Amino acid sequence: MRARVFVTLKPSVFDPQGTTVTEALHALGFDAVRDVRQGKYFELDVDAASVEQARRIVSEAADKLLANPVIESYRVELEERAAQPAGAPRHPAAVAEATK
C-alpha cells in the first residue's frame, strides 16, 4: 500500500521560508499569489493487511518522526494497489485520506 504524508506548519506558526518565497514570487510578477506555506512530503510503501492498519502505522510514524506535533499538522493519503503483472502501469484501486 502506498502512503503519502503531507506535513505543513500549523496556521499559527510563522513561516519565514514561505514569506521569502511569497516575496520572491511577487518580485517575479506573480502578484496573484497571496501567501505561501512551505512543508514536507513523504511517500511510504507499507505492508499492511488493511487500510485501517496502514493508517495506524503511517499515523504513528508521522506522530513520532515525520512531523513535529507542536508546530506541524499532517495529512495522510493511502492508496491500495490492485494486483498487476510486472511492468504494468500502476493505477490506484482506492484512495483513503485523513488529516491530523
Protein backbone atom coordinates (compact mmCIF):
# COMPACT_ATOMS: atom_id res chain seq x y z
CA MET A 1 0.00 0.00 0.00
CA ARG A 2 1.33 3.46 -0.85
CA ALA A 3 1.02 6.20 1.76
CA ARG A 4 1.59 9.87 1.12
CA VAL A 5 2.18 12.16 4.08
CA PHE A 6 1.93 15.94 3.66
CA VAL A 7 3.38 17.88 6.61
CA THR A 8 2.77 21.62 6.98
CA LEU A 9 3.29 24.21 9.66
CA LYS A 10 0.20 24.95 11.72
CA PRO A 11 -1.51 28.20 10.69
CA SER A 12 -0.44 29.91 13.94
CA VAL A 13 3.27 29.19 13.32
CA PHE A 14 5.32 31.84 11.49
CA ASP A 15 6.72 30.52 8.20
CA PRO A 16 9.78 32.59 7.20
CA GLN A 17 10.56 30.35 4.21
CA GLY A 18 7.01 30.73 2.92
CA THR A 19 7.24 34.51 3.38
CA THR A 20 10.51 34.62 1.43
CA VAL A 21 9.03 32.56 -1.41
CA THR A 22 5.93 34.79 -1.48
CA GLU A 23 8.11 37.90 -1.76
CA ALA A 24 10.24 36.30 -4.50
CA LEU A 25 7.14 35.34 -6.48
CA HIS A 26 5.85 38.92 -6.21
CA ALA A 27 9.25 40.20 -7.45
CA LEU A 28 8.89 37.87 -10.45
CA GLY A 29 5.47 39.30 -11.25
CA PHE A 30 3.26 36.65 -9.66
CA ASP A 31 1.18 39.22 -7.80
CA ALA A 32 -1.86 36.94 -7.74
CA VAL A 33 -0.09 34.66 -5.22
CA ARG A 34 -1.31 35.86 -1.84
CA ASP A 35 0.57 33.53 0.51
CA VAL A 36 2.90 30.53 0.51
CA ARG A 37 3.25 27.96 3.28
CA GLN A 38 6.12 25.50 2.93
CA GLY A 39 6.04 21.90 4.06
CA LYS A 40 7.38 18.39 3.62
CA TYR A 41 6.19 15.43 1.57
CA PHE A 42 6.87 11.74 2.22
CA GLU A 43 5.93 8.58 0.32
CA LEU A 44 5.92 5.32 2.23
CA ASP A 45 5.32 1.81 0.92
CA VAL A 46 3.59 -0.05 3.74
CA ASP A 47 2.90 -3.76 4.16
CA ALA A 48 -0.49 -3.87 5.86
CA ALA A 49 -3.45 -6.24 5.86
CA SER A 50 -5.99 -3.40 5.69
CA VAL A 51 -6.36 0.32 5.08
CA GLU A 52 -7.03 0.79 8.79
CA GLN A 53 -3.80 -0.97 9.76
CA ALA A 54 -1.83 1.04 7.21
CA ARG A 55 -3.35 4.27 8.54
CA ARG A 56 -2.37 3.34 12.11
CA ILE A 57 1.22 2.55 11.07
CA VAL A 58 1.65 5.71 9.00
CA SER A 59 -0.03 7.97 11.58
CA GLU A 60 2.23 6.60 14.30
CA ALA A 61 5.30 7.19 12.10
CA ALA A 62 4.13 10.75 11.42
CA ASP A 63 3.45 11.40 15.12
CA LYS A 64 6.84 10.03 16.21
CA LEU A 65 9.18 11.16 13.41
CA LEU A 66 7.81 12.75 10.25
CA ALA A 67 6.02 15.70 11.88
CA ASN A 68 6.58 17.80 14.99
CA PRO A 69 3.07 17.80 16.51
CA VAL A 70 3.77 21.01 18.44
CA ILE A 71 4.17 23.14 15.30
CA GLU A 72 3.12 20.93 12.37
CA SER A 73 -0.01 19.23 11.08
CA TYR A 74 -0.07 16.35 8.63
CA ARG A 75 -2.41 14.75 6.15
CA VAL A 76 -2.21 11.09 5.13
CA GLU A 77 -3.42 9.67 1.81
CA LEU A 78 -3.50 5.90 1.36
CA GLU A 79 -3.67 4.14 -1.97
CA GLU A 80 -4.47 0.45 -2.27
CA ARG A 81 -2.83 -1.16 -5.24
CA ALA A 82 -4.56 -3.86 -7.22
CA ALA A 83 -2.51 -6.93 -8.16
CA GLN A 84 -0.90 -6.23 -11.52
CA PRO A 85 1.51 -8.03 -13.79
CA ALA A 86 5.15 -6.97 -13.62
CA GLY A 87 5.81 -3.86 -15.66
CA ALA A 88 2.13 -2.86 -15.91
CA PRO A 89 1.34 0.76 -15.08
CA ARG A 90 0.00 1.24 -11.58
CA HIS A 91 -3.44 2.72 -11.05
CA PRO A 92 -4.99 3.27 -7.63
CA ALA A 93 -7.75 0.84 -6.71
CA ALA A 94 -8.90 3.01 -3.81
CA VAL A 95 -7.70 6.11 -2.05
CA ALA A 96 -8.35 6.99 1.59
CA GLU A 97 -7.40 10.27 3.26
CA ALA A 98 -7.04 11.52 6.85
CA THR A 99 -5.80 14.75 8.42
CA LYS A 100 -4.29 15.37 11.81
